[in-house]
Amino acid sequence: WTRGFAHVDELDIISSRRGLFSANIYLQQSTSGGELNLWPISVKSRWDFYRNASLLSLLVVQDAGGQALLHDVLPEPTVVRAKAGDLVLLCTQRPHSVRGPLYGQDRVSMQCFIQHEKGKPLLIES
């Protein structure tokens, strides 16, 4: 799938009080492919969540028809081409994907999740 598998790692309302983030350190990048798509959408209320539930549910299943629909209805993504040594932090509650196919050298990265809850220390999970 050249456009990448659009997904979220946590399907939840985006809040300034709490969130789940992904930290990706790129050690080596492929010659072609491997760009990160980030869609600038967010669910900001329970009402948004309910109103868009059928579309949002496609972000947590592996279904070719659902992926085609998501790529048709989502706005154009921001595309990030990380280089070796780059750190990319992203909110995992926003849709994202990695473009393929990957050619040339392997794409190598290290990743962990960072949980934020206001008033508490950050929690790092690998």
PDB file of N, CA and C in Angstrom:
ATOM      1  N   TRP A   1       0.865  -1.172   0.000  1.00  0.00           N
ATOM      2  CA  TRP A   1       0.000   0.000   0.000  1.00  0.00           C
ATOM      3  C   TRP A   1       0.902   1.222   0.000  1.00  0.00           C
ATOM      4  N   THR A   2       0.992   1.917  -1.106  1.00  0.00           N
ATOM      5  CA  THR A   2       1.955   3.010  -1.235  1.00  0.00           C
ATOM      6  C   THR A   2       1.598   4.220  -0.383  1.00  0.00           C
ATOM      7  N   ARG A   3       0.316   4.412  -0.084  1.00  0.00           N
ATOM      8  CA  ARG A   3      -0.088   5.578   0.715  1.00  0.00           C
ATOM      9  C   ARG A   3       0.026   5.322   2.207  1.00  0.00           C
ATOM     10  N   GLY A   4       0.330   4.114   2.599  1.00  0.00           N
ATOM     11  CA  GLY A   4       0.483   3.791   4.017  1.00  0.00           C
ATOM     12  C   GLY A   4      -0.825   3.363   4.651  1.00  0.00           C
ATOM     13  N   PHE A   5      -0.729   2.675   5.760  1.00  0.00           N
ATOM     14  CA  PHE A   5      -1.884   2.210   6.526  1.00  0.00           C
ATOM     15  C   PHE A   5      -2.261   3.292   7.539  1.00  0.00           C
ATOM     16  N   ALA A   6      -3.313   4.052   7.232  1.00  0.00           N
ATOM     17  CA  ALA A   6      -3.764   5.124   8.122  1.00  0.00           C
ATOM     18  C   ALA A   6      -4.357   4.502   9.388  1.00  0.00           C
ATOM     19  N   HIS A   7      -3.860   4.951  10.533  1.00  0.00           N
ATOM     20  CA  HIS A   7      -4.343   4.393  11.802  1.00  0.00           C
ATOM     21  C   HIS A   7      -4.103   5.374  12.947  1.00  0.00           C
ATOM     22  N   VAL A   8      -4.682   5.056  14.080  1.00  0.00           N
ATOM     23  CA  VAL A   8      -4.374   5.739  15.337  1.00  0.00           C
ATOM     24  C   VAL A   8      -3.950   4.655  16.321  1.00  0.00           C
ATOM     25  N   ASP A   9      -3.059   5.000  17.226  1.00  0.00           N
ATOM     26  CA  ASP A   9      -2.641   4.046  18.250  1.00  0.00           C
ATOM     27  C   ASP A   9      -3.534   4.126  19.480  1.00  0.00           C
ATOM     28  N   GLU A  10      -4.239   5.238  19.607  1.00  0.00           N
ATOM     29  CA  GLU A  10      -5.212   5.398  20.695  1.00  0.00           C
ATOM     30  C   GLU A  10      -6.391   6.183  20.142  1.00  0.00           C
ATOM     31  N   LEU A  11      -7.559   5.569  20.142  1.00  0.00           N
ATOM     32  CA  LEU A  11      -8.767   6.220  19.652  1.00  0.00           C
ATOM     33  C   LEU A  11      -9.441   6.893  20.837  1.00  0.00           C
ATOM     34  N   ASP A  12      -9.182   8.196  20.983  1.00  0.00           N
ATOM     35  CA  ASP A  12      -9.672   8.928  22.147  1.00  0.00           C
ATOM     36  C   ASP A  12      -9.801  10.403  21.794  1.00  0.00           C
ATOM     37  N   ILE A  13     -10.512  11.120  22.609  1.00  0.00           N
ATOM     38  CA  ILE A  13     -10.670  12.561  22.463  1.00  0.00           C
ATOM     39  C   ILE A  13      -9.344  13.231  22.795  1.00  0.00           C
ATOM     40  N   ILE A  14      -8.935  14.196  21.958  1.00  0.00           N
ATOM     41  CA  ILE A  14      -7.694  14.930  22.218  1.00  0.00           C
ATOM     42  C   ILE A  14      -7.951  15.980  23.286  1.00  0.00           C
ATOM     43  N   SER A  15      -7.085  16.005  24.291  1.00  0.00           N
ATOM     44  CA  SER A  15      -7.246  16.895  25.430  1.00  0.00           C
ATOM     45  C   SER A  15      -5.884  17.460  25.827  1.00  0.00           C
ATOM     46  N   SER A  16      -5.889  18.674  26.322  1.00  0.00           N
ATOM     47  CA  SER A  16      -4.625  19.244  26.821  1.00  0.00           C
ATOM     48  C   SER A  16      -4.262  18.649  28.182  1.00  0.00           C
ATOM     49  N   ARG A  17      -5.175  17.910  28.807  1.00  0.00           N
ATOM     50  CA  ARG A  17      -4.939  17.326  30.127  1.00  0.00           C
ATOM     51  C   ARG A  17      -4.222  15.972  30.070  1.00  0.00           C
ATOM     52  N   ARG A  18      -4.390  15.255  28.923  1.00  0.00           N
ATOM     53  CA  ARG A  18      -3.769  13.937  28.820  1.00  0.00           C
ATOM     54  C   ARG A  18      -3.590  13.580  27.356  1.00  0.00           C
ATOM     55  N   GLY A  19      -2.656  12.669  27.086  1.00  0.00           N
ATOM     56  CA  GLY A  19      -2.458  12.223  25.719  1.00  0.00           C
ATOM     57  C   GLY A  19      -1.386  11.159  25.623  1.00  0.00           C
ATOM     58  N   LEU A  20      -1.396  10.482  24.491  1.00  0.00           N
ATOM     59  CA  LEU A  20      -0.401   9.461  24.208  1.00  0.00           C
ATOM     60  C   LEU A  20       0.394   9.920  22.990  1.00  0.00           C
ATOM     61  N   PHE A  21       1.709   9.911  23.110  1.00  0.00           N
ATOM     62  CA  PHE A  21       2.590  10.366  22.047  1.00  0.00           C
ATOM     63  C   PHE A  21       3.566   9.252  21.686  1.00  0.00           C
ATOM     64  N   SER A  22       4.042   9.289  20.465  1.00  0.00           N
ATOM     65  CA  SER A  22       5.041   8.341  19.995  1.00  0.00           C
ATOM     66  C   SER A  22       6.329   9.104  19.734  1.00  0.00           C
ATOM     67  N   ALA A  23       7.433   8.596  20.260  1.00  0.00           N
ATOM     68  CA  ALA A  23       8.756   9.170  20.002  1.00  0.00           C
ATOM     69  C   ALA A  23       9.496   8.195  19.102  1.00  0.00           C
ATOM     70  N   ASN A  24       9.900   8.676  17.929  1.00  0.00           N
ATOM     71  CA  ASN A  24      10.588   7.846  16.940  1.00  0.00           C
ATOM     72  C   ASN A  24      11.940   8.459  16.626  1.00  0.00           C
ATOM     73  N   ILE A  25      13.001   7.718  16.891  1.00  0.00           N
ATOM     74  CA  ILE A  25      14.349   8.161  16.554  1.00  0.00           C
ATOM     75  C   ILE A  25      14.785   7.358  15.339  1.00  0.00           C
ATOM     76  N   TYR A  26      15.105   8.072  14.273  1.00  0.00           N
ATOM     77  CA  TYR A  26      15.500   7.422  13.021  1.00  0.00           C
ATOM     78  C   TYR A  26      17.006   7.209  13.006  1.00  0.00           C
ATOM     79  N   LEU A  27      17.407   5.953  12.889  1.00  0.00           N
ATOM     80  CA  LEU A  27      18.817   5.594  12.860  1.00  0.00           C
ATOM     81  C   LEU A  27      19.323   5.483  11.419  1.00  0.00           C
ATOM     82  N   GLN A  28      18.429   5.046  10.531  1.00  0.00           N
ATOM     83  CA  GLN A  28      18.774   4.904   9.111  1.00  0.00           C
ATOM     84  C   GLN A  28      17.476   5.017   8.322  1.00  0.00           C
ATOM     85  N   GLN A  29      17.501   5.722   7.219  1.00  0.00           N
ATOM     86  CA  GLN A  29      16.304   5.899   6.405  1.00  0.00           C
ATOM     87  C   GLN A  29      16.462   5.153   5.089  1.00  0.00           C
ATOM     88  N   SER A  30      15.364   4.645   4.560  1.00  0.00           N
ATOM     89  CA  SER A  30      15.378   3.959   3.274  1.00  0.00           C
ATOM     90  C   SER A  30      15.667   4.959   2.162  1.00  0.00           C
ATOM     91  N   THR A  31      16.094   4.438   1.033  1.00  0.00           N
ATOM     92  CA  THR A  31      16.381   5.288  -0.118  1.00  0.00           C
ATOM     93  C   THR A  31      15.094   5.882  -0.678  1.00  0.00           C
ATOM     94  N   SER A  32      14.022   5.093  -0.670  1.00  0.00           N
ATOM     95  CA  SER A  32      12.732   5.520  -1.200  1.00  0.00           C
ATOM     96  C   SER A  32      11.635   4.998  -0.288  1.00  0.00           C
ATOM     97  N   GLY A  33      10.587   5.792  -0.079  1.00  0.00           N
ATOM     98  CA  GLY A  33       9.514   5.391   0.820  1.00  0.00           C
ATOM     99  C   GLY A  33       9.880   5.695   2.260  1.00  0.00           C
ATOM    100  N   GLY A  34       8.980   5.370   3.163  1.00  0.00           N
ATOM    101  CA  GLY A  34       9.229   5.578   4.581  1.00  0.00           C
ATOM    102  C   GLY A  34       8.830   6.942   5.108  1.00  0.00           C
ATOM    103  N   GLU A  35       8.246   7.793   4.224  1.00  0.00           N
ATOM    104  CA  GLU A  35       7.786   9.102   4.709  1.00  0.00           C
ATOM    105  C   GLU A  35       6.618   8.905   5.676  1.00  0.00           C
ATOM    106  N   LEU A  36       6.499   9.806   6.611  1.00  0.00           N
ATOM    107  CA  LEU A  36       5.447   9.749   7.620  1.00  0.00           C
ATOM    108  C   LEU A  36       4.315  10.696   7.217  1.00  0.00           C
ATOM    109  N   ASN A  37       3.102  10.167   7.090  1.00  0.00           N
ATOM    110  CA  ASN A  37       1.908  10.978   6.838  1.00  0.00           C
ATOM    111  C   ASN A  37       1.262  11.313   8.170  1.00  0.00           C
ATOM    112  N   LEU A  38       0.971  12.576   8.396  1.00  0.00           N
ATOM    113  CA  LEU A  38       0.281  13.027   9.609  1.00  0.00           C
ATOM    114  C   LEU A  38      -0.937  13.828   9.172  1.00  0.00           C
ATOM    115  N   TRP A  39      -2.128  13.364   9.571  1.00  0.00           N
ATOM    116  CA  TRP A  39      -3.346  14.071   9.189  1.00  0.00           C
ATOM    117  C   TRP A  39      -3.746  15.056  10.282  1.00  0.00           C
ATOM    118  N   PRO A  40      -4.018  16.298   9.897  1.00  0.00           N
ATOM    119  CA  PRO A  40      -4.300  17.365  10.872  1.00  0.00           C
ATOM    120  C   PRO A  40      -5.761  17.372  11.339  1.00  0.00           C
ATOM    121  N   ILE A  41      -6.212  16.240  11.853  1.00  0.00           N
ATOM    122  CA  ILE A  41      -7.576  16.192  12.374  1.00  0.00           C
ATOM    123  C   ILE A  41      -7.520  15.712  13.817  1.00  0.00           C
ATOM    124  N   SER A  42      -8.556  16.051  14.567  1.00  0.00           N
ATOM    125  CA  SER A  42      -8.619  15.593  15.946  1.00  0.00           C
ATOM    126  C   SER A  42     -10.068  15.529  16.390  1.00  0.00           C
ATOM    127  N   VAL A  43     -10.315  14.633  17.314  1.00  0.00           N
ATOM    128  CA  VAL A  43     -11.619  14.512  17.953  1.00  0.00           C
ATOM    129  C   VAL A  43     -11.519  15.286  19.257  1.00  0.00           C
ATOM    130  N   LYS A  44     -12.263  16.402  19.349  1.00  0.00           N
ATOM    131  CA  LYS A  44     -12.102  17.288  20.500  1.00  0.00           C
ATOM    132  C   LYS A  44     -13.220  17.189  21.527  1.00  0.00           C
ATOM    133  N   SER A  45     -14.272  16.447  21.211  1.00  0.00           N
ATOM    134  CA  SER A  45     -15.373  16.304  22.168  1.00  0.00           C
ATOM    135  C   SER A  45     -16.031  14.940  21.988  1.00  0.00           C
ATOM    136  N   ARG A  46     -16.778  14.553  22.972  1.00  0.00           N
ATOM    137  CA  ARG A  46     -17.516  13.294  22.895  1.00  0.00           C
ATOM    138  C   ARG A  46     -18.512  13.342  21.738  1.00  0.00           C
ATOM    139  N   TRP A  47     -19.090  14.523  21.503  1.00  0.00           N
ATOM    140  CA  TRP A  47     -20.043  14.673  20.409  1.00  0.00           C
ATOM    141  C   TRP A  47     -19.348  14.445  19.060  1.00  0.00           C
ATOM    142  N   ASP A  48     -18.126  15.003  18.870  1.00  0.00           N
ATOM    143  CA  ASP A  48     -17.345  14.747  17.653  1.00  0.00           C
ATOM    144  C   ASP A  48     -17.120  13.244  17.473  1.00  0.00           C
ATOM    145  N   PHE A  49     -16.801  12.589  18.573  1.00  0.00           N
ATOM    146  CA  PHE A  49     -16.518  11.157  18.540  1.00  0.00           C
ATOM    147  C   PHE A  49     -17.748  10.386  18.058  1.00  0.00           C
ATOM    148  N   TYR A  50     -18.907  10.651  18.648  1.00  0.00           N
ATOM    149  CA  TYR A  50     -20.130   9.944  18.265  1.00  0.00           C
ATOM    150  C   TYR A  50     -20.535  10.260  16.829  1.00  0.00           C
ATOM    151  N   ARG A  51     -20.420  11.524  16.441  1.00  0.00           N
ATOM    152  CA  ARG A  51     -20.835  11.953  15.102  1.00  0.00           C
ATOM    153  C   ARG A  51     -19.986  11.289  14.016  1.00  0.00           C
ATOM    154  N   ASN A  52     -18.737  10.994  14.308  1.00  0.00           N
ATOM    155  CA  ASN A  52     -17.809  10.434  13.322  1.00  0.00           C
ATOM    156  C   ASN A  52     -17.404   8.989  13.624  1.00  0.00           C
ATOM    157  N   ALA A  53     -18.175   8.305  14.454  1.00  0.00           N
ATOM    158  CA  ALA A  53     -17.792   6.968  14.926  1.00  0.00           C
ATOM    159  C   ALA A  53     -17.552   5.973  13.788  1.00  0.00           C
ATOM    160  N   SER A  54     -18.394   5.975  12.766  1.00  0.00           N
ATOM    161  CA  SER A  54     -18.216   4.979  11.699  1.00  0.00           C
ATOM    162  C   SER A  54     -16.906   5.211  10.940  1.00  0.00           C
ATOM    163  N   LEU A  55     -16.553   6.465  10.691  1.00  0.00           N
ATOM    164  CA  LEU A  55     -15.296   6.760  10.012  1.00  0.00           C
ATOM    165  C   LEU A  55     -14.104   6.486  10.929  1.00  0.00           C
ATOM    166  N   LEU A  56     -14.211   6.902  12.189  1.00  0.00           N
ATOM    167  CA  LEU A  56     -13.116   6.696  13.140  1.00  0.00           C
ATOM    168  C   LEU A  56     -12.822   5.213  13.349  1.00  0.00           C
ATOM    169  N   SER A  57     -13.852   4.381  13.293  1.00  0.00           N
ATOM    170  CA  SER A  57     -13.649   2.945  13.508  1.00  0.00           C
ATOM    171  C   SER A  57     -12.737   2.342  12.440  1.00  0.00           C
ATOM    172  N   LEU A  58     -12.671   2.961  11.251  1.00  0.00           N
ATOM    173  CA  LEU A  58     -11.807   2.465  10.188  1.00  0.00           C
ATOM    174  C   LEU A  58     -10.329   2.663  10.505  1.00  0.00           C
ATOM    175  N   LEU A  59     -10.025   3.513  11.485  1.00  0.00           N
ATOM    176  CA  LEU A  59      -8.636   3.782  11.863  1.00  0.00           C
ATOM    177  C   LEU A  59      -8.044   2.717  12.787  1.00  0.00           C
ATOM    178  N   VAL A  60      -8.858   1.757  13.199  1.00  0.00           N
ATOM    179  CA  VAL A  60      -8.361   0.727  14.121  1.00  0.00           C
ATOM    180  C   VAL A  60      -8.525  -0.690  13.570  1.00  0.00           C
ATOM    181  N   VAL A  61      -8.899  -0.812  12.292  1.00  0.00           N
ATOM    182  CA  VAL A  61      -9.028  -2.133  11.667  1.00  0.00           C
ATOM    183  C   VAL A  61      -8.202  -2.164  10.384  1.00  0.00           C
ATOM    184  N   GLN A  62      -7.755  -3.349  10.022  1.00  0.00           N
ATOM    185  CA  GLN A  62      -6.995  -3.509   8.782  1.00  0.00           C
ATOM    186  C   GLN A  62      -7.949  -3.992   7.703  1.00  0.00           C
ATOM    187  N   ASP A  63      -8.452  -3.037   6.921  1.00  0.00           N
ATOM    188  CA  ASP A  63      -9.431  -3.333   5.892  1.00  0.00           C
ATOM    189  C   ASP A  63      -9.113  -2.481   4.666  1.00  0.00           C
ATOM    190  N   ALA A  64      -8.868  -3.119   3.518  1.00  0.00           N
ATOM    191  CA  ALA A  64      -8.462  -2.396   2.305  1.00  0.00           C
ATOM    192  C   ALA A  64      -9.530  -1.398   1.867  1.00  0.00           C
ATOM    193  N   GLY A  65     -10.806  -1.787   1.911  1.00  0.00           N
ATOM    194  CA  GLY A  65     -11.878  -0.872   1.526  1.00  0.00           C
ATOM    195  C   GLY A  65     -11.959   0.325   2.457  1.00  0.00           C
ATOM    196  N   GLY A  66     -11.784   0.072   3.752  1.00  0.00           N
ATOM    197  CA  GLY A  66     -11.795   1.152   4.735  1.00  0.00           C
ATOM    198  C   GLY A  66     -10.630   2.096   4.535  1.00  0.00           C
ATOM    199  N   GLN A  67      -9.462   1.541   4.207  1.00  0.00           N
ATOM    200  CA  GLN A  67      -8.287   2.377   3.957  1.00  0.00           C
ATOM    201  C   GLN A  67      -8.510   3.265   2.732  1.00  0.00           C
ATOM    202  N   ALA A  68      -9.103   2.704   1.688  1.00  0.00           N
ATOM    203  CA  ALA A  68      -9.380   3.492   0.485  1.00  0.00           C
ATOM    204  C   ALA A  68     -10.322   4.645   0.820  1.00  0.00           C
ATOM    205  N   LEU A  69     -11.359   4.363   1.617  1.00  0.00           N
ATOM    206  CA  LEU A  69     -12.300   5.410   2.014  1.00  0.00           C
ATOM    207  C   LEU A  69     -11.603   6.485   2.852  1.00  0.00           C
ATOM    208  N   LEU A  70     -10.799   6.073   3.820  1.00  0.00           N
ATOM    209  CA  LEU A  70     -10.077   7.041   4.655  1.00  0.00           C
ATOM    210  C   LEU A  70      -9.207   7.961   3.805  1.00  0.00           C
ATOM    211  N   HIS A  71      -8.457   7.390   2.875  1.00  0.00           N
ATOM    212  CA  HIS A  71      -7.569   8.199   2.037  1.00  0.00           C
ATOM    213  C   HIS A  71      -8.366   9.133   1.125  1.00  0.00           C
ATOM    214  N   ASP A  72      -9.602   8.758   0.809  1.00  0.00           N
ATOM    215  CA  ASP A  72     -10.449   9.625  -0.024  1.00  0.00           C
ATOM    216  C   ASP A  72     -11.049  10.784   0.768  1.00  0.00           C
ATOM    217  N   VAL A  73     -11.412  10.547   2.039  1.00  0.00           N
ATOM    218  CA  VAL A  73     -12.136  11.583   2.786  1.00  0.00           C
ATOM    219  C   VAL A  73     -11.253  12.422   3.710  1.00  0.00           C
ATOM    220  N   LEU A  74     -10.111  11.898   4.126  1.00  0.00           N
ATOM    221  CA  LEU A  74      -9.225  12.687   4.988  1.00  0.00           C
ATOM    222  C   LEU A  74      -8.586  13.810   4.173  1.00  0.00           C
ATOM    223  N   PRO A  75      -8.286  14.935   4.818  1.00  0.00           N
ATOM    224  CA  PRO A  75      -7.577  16.002   4.096  1.00  0.00           C
ATOM    225  C   PRO A  75      -6.160  15.539   3.739  1.00  0.00           C
ATOM    226  N   GLU A  76      -5.494  16.310   2.902  1.00  0.00           N
ATOM    227  CA  GLU A  76      -4.109  15.975   2.554  1.00  0.00           C
ATOM    228  C   GLU A  76      -3.262  15.936   3.829  1.00  0.00           C
ATOM    229  N   PRO A  77      -2.428  14.904   3.963  1.00  0.00           N
ATOM    230  CA  PRO A  77      -1.589  14.829   5.166  1.00  0.00           C
ATOM    231  C   PRO A  77      -0.375  15.747   5.065  1.00  0.00           C
ATOM    232  N   THR A  78       0.163  16.067   6.223  1.00  0.00           N
ATOM    233  CA  THR A  78       1.490  16.664   6.286  1.00  0.00           C
ATOM    234  C   THR A  78       2.459  15.513   6.120  1.00  0.00           C
ATOM    235  N   VAL A  79       3.433  15.642   5.232  1.00  0.00           N
ATOM    236  CA  VAL A  79       4.380  14.561   4.964  1.00  0.00           C
ATOM    237  C   VAL A  79       5.731  14.928   5.569  1.00  0.00           C
ATOM    238  N   VAL A  80       6.263  14.020   6.389  1.00  0.00           N
ATOM    239  CA  VAL A  80       7.545  14.231   7.049  1.00  0.00           C
ATOM    240  C   VAL A  80       8.533  13.191   6.511  1.00  0.00           C
ATOM    241  N   ARG A  81       9.643  13.652   6.003  1.00  0.00           N
ATOM    242  CA  ARG A  81      10.719  12.764   5.549  1.00  0.00           C
ATOM    243  C   ARG A  81      11.854  12.895   6.558  1.00  0.00           C
ATOM    244  N   ALA A  82      11.874  11.991   7.531  1.00  0.00           N
ATOM    245  CA  ALA A  82      12.903  12.031   8.577  1.00  0.00           C
ATOM    246  C   ALA A  82      14.232  11.543   8.010  1.00  0.00           C
ATOM    247  N   LYS A  83      15.305  12.077   8.571  1.00  0.00           N
ATOM    248  CA  LYS A  83      16.655  11.656   8.207  1.00  0.00           C
ATOM    249  C   LYS A  83      17.280  10.934   9.405  1.00  0.00           C
ATOM    250  N   ALA A  84      18.331  10.227   9.146  1.00  0.00           N
ATOM    251  CA  ALA A  84      19.047   9.553  10.231  1.00  0.00           C
ATOM    252  C   ALA A  84      19.424  10.582  11.294  1.00  0.00           C
ATOM    253  N   GLY A  85      19.129  10.274  12.549  1.00  0.00           N
ATOM    254  CA  GLY A  85      19.417  11.182  13.656  1.00  0.00           C
ATOM    255  C   GLY A  85      18.235  12.032  14.073  1.00  0.00           C
ATOM    256  N   ASP A  86      17.163  12.056  13.282  1.00  0.00           N
ATOM    257  CA  ASP A  86      15.988  12.863  13.620  1.00  0.00           C
ATOM    258  C   ASP A  86      15.135  12.195  14.690  1.00  0.00           C
ATOM    259  N   LEU A  87      14.520  13.013  15.516  1.00  0.00           N
ATOM    260  CA  LEU A  87      13.525  12.575  16.487  1.00  0.00           C
ATOM    261  C   LEU A  87      12.188  13.153  16.036  1.00  0.00           C
ATOM    262  N   VAL A  88      11.197  12.290  15.862  1.00  0.00           N
ATOM    263  CA  VAL A  88       9.854  12.732  15.488  1.00  0.00           C
ATOM    264  C   VAL A  88       8.911  12.363  16.625  1.00  0.00           C
ATOM    265  N   LEU A  89       8.227  13.357  17.172  1.00  0.00           N
ATOM    266  CA  LEU A  89       7.205  13.141  18.191  1.00  0.00           C
ATOM    267  C   LEU A  89       5.850  13.383  17.553  1.00  0.00           C
ATOM    268  N   LEU A  90       4.913  12.477  17.780  1.00  0.00           N
ATOM    269  CA  LEU A  90       3.574  12.680  17.231  1.00  0.00           C
ATOM    270  C   LEU A  90       2.523  12.227  18.212  1.00  0.00           C
ATOM    271  N   CYS A  91       1.381  12.890  18.137  1.00  0.00           N
ATOM    272  CA  CYS A  91       0.224  12.524  18.951  1.00  0.00           C
ATOM    273  C   CYS A  91      -0.417  11.309  18.300  1.00  0.00           C
ATOM    274  N   THR A  92      -0.438  10.195  18.996  1.00  0.00           N
ATOM    275  CA  THR A  92      -0.939   8.952  18.404  1.00  0.00           C
ATOM    276  C   THR A  92      -2.458   8.915  18.315  1.00  0.00           C
ATOM    277  N   GLN A  93      -3.129   9.949  18.812  1.00  0.00           N
ATOM    278  CA  GLN A  93      -4.582  10.048  18.671  1.00  0.00           C
ATOM    279  C   GLN A  93      -4.948  10.693  17.332  1.00  0.00           C
ATOM    280  N   ARG A  94      -3.957  11.189  16.602  1.00  0.00           N
ATOM    281  CA  ARG A  94      -4.176  11.729  15.252  1.00  0.00           C
ATOM    282  C   ARG A  94      -3.820  10.637  14.241  1.00  0.00           C
ATOM    283  N   PRO A  95      -4.565  10.547  13.150  1.00  0.00           N
ATOM    284  CA  PRO A  95      -4.246   9.540  12.135  1.00  0.00           C
ATOM    285  C   PRO A  95      -2.842   9.766  11.557  1.00  0.00           C
ATOM    286  N   HIS A  96      -2.146   8.662  11.331  1.00  0.00           N
ATOM    287  CA  HIS A  96      -0.806   8.712  10.762  1.00  0.00           C
ATOM    288  C   HIS A  96      -0.523   7.404  10.028  1.00  0.00           C
ATOM    289  N   SER A  97       0.482   7.432   9.165  1.00  0.00           N
ATOM    290  CA  SER A  97       0.891   6.230   8.434  1.00  0.00           C
ATOM    291  C   SER A  97       2.313   6.413   7.938  1.00  0.00           C
ATOM    292  N   VAL A  98       2.914   5.309   7.502  1.00  0.00           N
ATOM    293  CA  VAL A  98       4.226   5.332   6.868  1.00  0.00           C
ATOM    294  C   VAL A  98       4.034   4.928   5.414  1.00  0.00           C
ATOM    295  N   ARG A  99       4.512   5.770   4.511  1.00  0.00           N
ATOM    296  CA  ARG A  99       4.379   5.484   3.079  1.00  0.00           C
ATOM    297  C   ARG A  99       5.321   4.365   2.656  1.00  0.00           C
ATOM    298  N   GLY A 100       4.902   3.606   1.695  1.00  0.00           N
ATOM    299  CA  GLY A 100       5.721   2.549   1.139  1.00  0.00           C
ATOM    300  C   GLY A 100       5.731   2.687  -0.364  1.00  0.00           C
ATOM    301  N   PRO A 101       6.312   1.784  -1.091  1.00  0.00           N
ATOM    302  CA  PRO A 101       7.184   0.740  -0.573  1.00  0.00           C
ATOM    303  C   PRO A 101       8.567   1.287  -0.253  1.00  0.00           C
ATOM    304  N   LEU A 102       9.282   0.538   0.543  1.00  0.00           N
ATOM    305  CA  LEU A 102      10.622   0.940   0.945  1.00  0.00           C
ATOM    306  C   LEU A 102      11.638   0.283   0.020  1.00  0.00           C
ATOM    307  N   TYR A 103      12.497   1.095  -0.567  1.00  0.00           N
ATOM    308  CA  TYR A 103      13.546   0.586  -1.458  1.00  0.00           C
ATOM    309  C   TYR A 103      14.905   1.025  -0.944  1.00  0.00           C
ATOM    310  N   GLY A 104      15.933   0.292  -1.368  1.00  0.00           N
ATOM    311  CA  GLY A 104      17.290   0.645  -0.968  1.00  0.00           C
ATOM    312  C   GLY A 104      17.577   0.088   0.407  1.00  0.00           C
ATOM    313  N   GLN A 105      18.314   0.844   1.177  1.00  0.00           N
ATOM    314  CA  GLN A 105      18.673   0.359   2.513  1.00  0.00           C
ATOM    315  C   GLN A 105      17.442   0.317   3.418  1.00  0.00           C
ATOM    316  N   ASP A 106      17.514  -0.497   4.455  1.00  0.00           N
ATOM    317  CA  ASP A 106      16.408  -0.648   5.391  1.00  0.00           C
ATOM    318  C   ASP A 106      16.174   0.640   6.170  1.00  0.00           C
ATOM    319  N   ARG A 107      14.909   0.877   6.533  1.00  0.00           N
ATOM    320  CA  ARG A 107      14.569   1.978   7.435  1.00  0.00           C
ATOM    321  C   ARG A 107      14.681   1.415   8.851  1.00  0.00           C
ATOM    322  N   VAL A 108      15.505   2.033   9.671  1.00  0.00           N
ATOM    323  CA  VAL A 108      15.722   1.556  11.034  1.00  0.00           C
ATOM    324  C   VAL A 108      15.399   2.696  11.989  1.00  0.00           C
ATOM    325  N   SER A 109      14.528   2.403  12.954  1.00  0.00           N
ATOM    326  CA  SER A 109      14.182   3.428  13.940  1.00  0.00           C
ATOM    327  C   SER A 109      13.943   2.768  15.290  1.00  0.00           C
ATOM    328  N   MET A 110      14.009   3.589  16.329  1.00  0.00           N
ATOM    329  CA  MET A 110      13.671   3.157  17.682  1.00  0.00           C
ATOM    330  C   MET A 110      12.434   3.941  18.076  1.00  0.00           C
ATOM    331  N   GLN A 111      11.507   3.293  18.782  1.00  0.00           N
ATOM    332  CA  GLN A 111      10.238   3.933  19.101  1.00  0.00           C
ATOM    333  C   GLN A 111       9.821   3.617  20.528  1.00  0.00           C
ATOM    334  N   CYS A 112       9.192   4.586  21.162  1.00  0.00           N
ATOM    335  CA  CYS A 112       8.555   4.345  22.457  1.00  0.00           C
ATOM    336  C   CYS A 112       7.331   5.245  22.543  1.00  0.00           C
ATOM    337  N   PHE A 113       6.442   4.935  23.472  1.00  0.00           N
ATOM    338  CA  PHE A 113       5.266   5.756  23.727  1.00  0.00           C
ATOM    339  C   PHE A 113       5.501   6.593  24.974  1.00  0.00           C
ATOM    340  N   ILE A 114       4.982   7.796  24.963  1.00  0.00           N
ATOM    341  CA  ILE A 114       5.071   8.703  26.104  1.00  0.00           C
ATOM    342  C   ILE A 114       3.660   9.097  26.494  1.00  0.00           C
ATOM    343  N   GLN A 115       3.273   8.768  27.726  1.00  0.00           N
ATOM    344  CA  GLN A 115       1.954   9.153  28.225  1.00  0.00           C
ATOM    345  C   GLN A 115       2.076  10.436  29.021  1.00  0.00           C
ATOM    346  N   HIS A 116       1.189  11.377  28.697  1.00  0.00           N
ATOM    347  CA  HIS A 116       1.151  12.662  29.401  1.00  0.00           C
ATOM    348  C   HIS A 116      -0.171  12.752  30.151  1.00  0.00           C
ATOM    349  N   GLU A 117      -0.091  13.086  31.412  1.00  0.00           N
ATOM    350  CA  GLU A 117      -1.278  13.404  32.200  1.00  0.00           C
ATOM    351  C   GLU A 117      -0.926  14.621  33.048  1.00  0.00           C
ATOM    352  N   LYS A 118      -1.721  15.674  32.889  1.00  0.00           N
ATOM    353  CA  LYS A 118      -1.430  16.943  33.549  1.00  0.00           C
ATOM    354  C   LYS A 118      -1.212  16.748  35.049  1.00  0.00           C
ATOM    355  N   GLY A 119      -0.113  17.328  35.547  1.00  0.00           N
ATOM    356  CA  GLY A 119       0.199  17.255  36.969  1.00  0.00           C
ATOM    357  C   GLY A 119       0.962  16.022  37.392  1.00  0.00           C
ATOM    358  N   LYS A 120       1.223  15.115  36.447  1.00  0.00           N
ATOM    359  CA  LYS A 120       1.938  13.868  36.765  1.00  0.00           C
ATOM    360  C   LYS A 120       3.207  13.790  35.909  1.00  0.00           C
ATOM    361  N   PRO A 121       4.197  13.014  36.368  1.00  0.00           N
ATOM    362  CA  PRO A 121       5.400  12.813  35.541  1.00  0.00           C
ATOM    363  C   PRO A 121       5.050  12.084  34.255  1.00  0.00           C
ATOM    364  N   LEU A 122       5.838  12.332  33.200  1.00  0.00           N
ATOM    365  CA  LEU A 122       5.657  11.600  31.961  1.00  0.00           C
ATOM    366  C   LEU A 122       5.933  10.118  32.206  1.00  0.00           C
ATOM    367  N   LEU A 123       5.196   9.258  31.525  1.00  0.00           N
ATOM    368  CA  LEU A 123       5.391   7.813  31.630  1.00  0.00           C
ATOM    369  C   LEU A 123       5.863   7.317  30.272  1.00  0.00           C
ATOM    370  N   ILE A 124       7.039   6.693  30.231  1.00  0.00           N
ATOM    371  CA  ILE A 124       7.605   6.196  28.975  1.00  0.00           C
ATOM    372  C   ILE A 124       7.398   4.679  28.927  1.00  0.00           C
ATOM    373  N   GLU A 125       6.824   4.214  27.805  1.00  0.00           N
ATOM    374  CA  GLU A 125       6.578   2.794  27.590  1.00  0.00           C
ATOM    375  C   GLU A 125       7.266   2.373  26.313  1.00  0.00           C
ATOM    376  N   SER A 126       7.893   1.188  26.335  1.00  0.00           N
ATOM    377  CA  SER A 126       8.534   0.709  25.108  1.00  0.00           C
ATOM    378  C   SER A 126       7.739  -0.433  24.516  1.00  0.00           C
TER     379      SER A 126
END
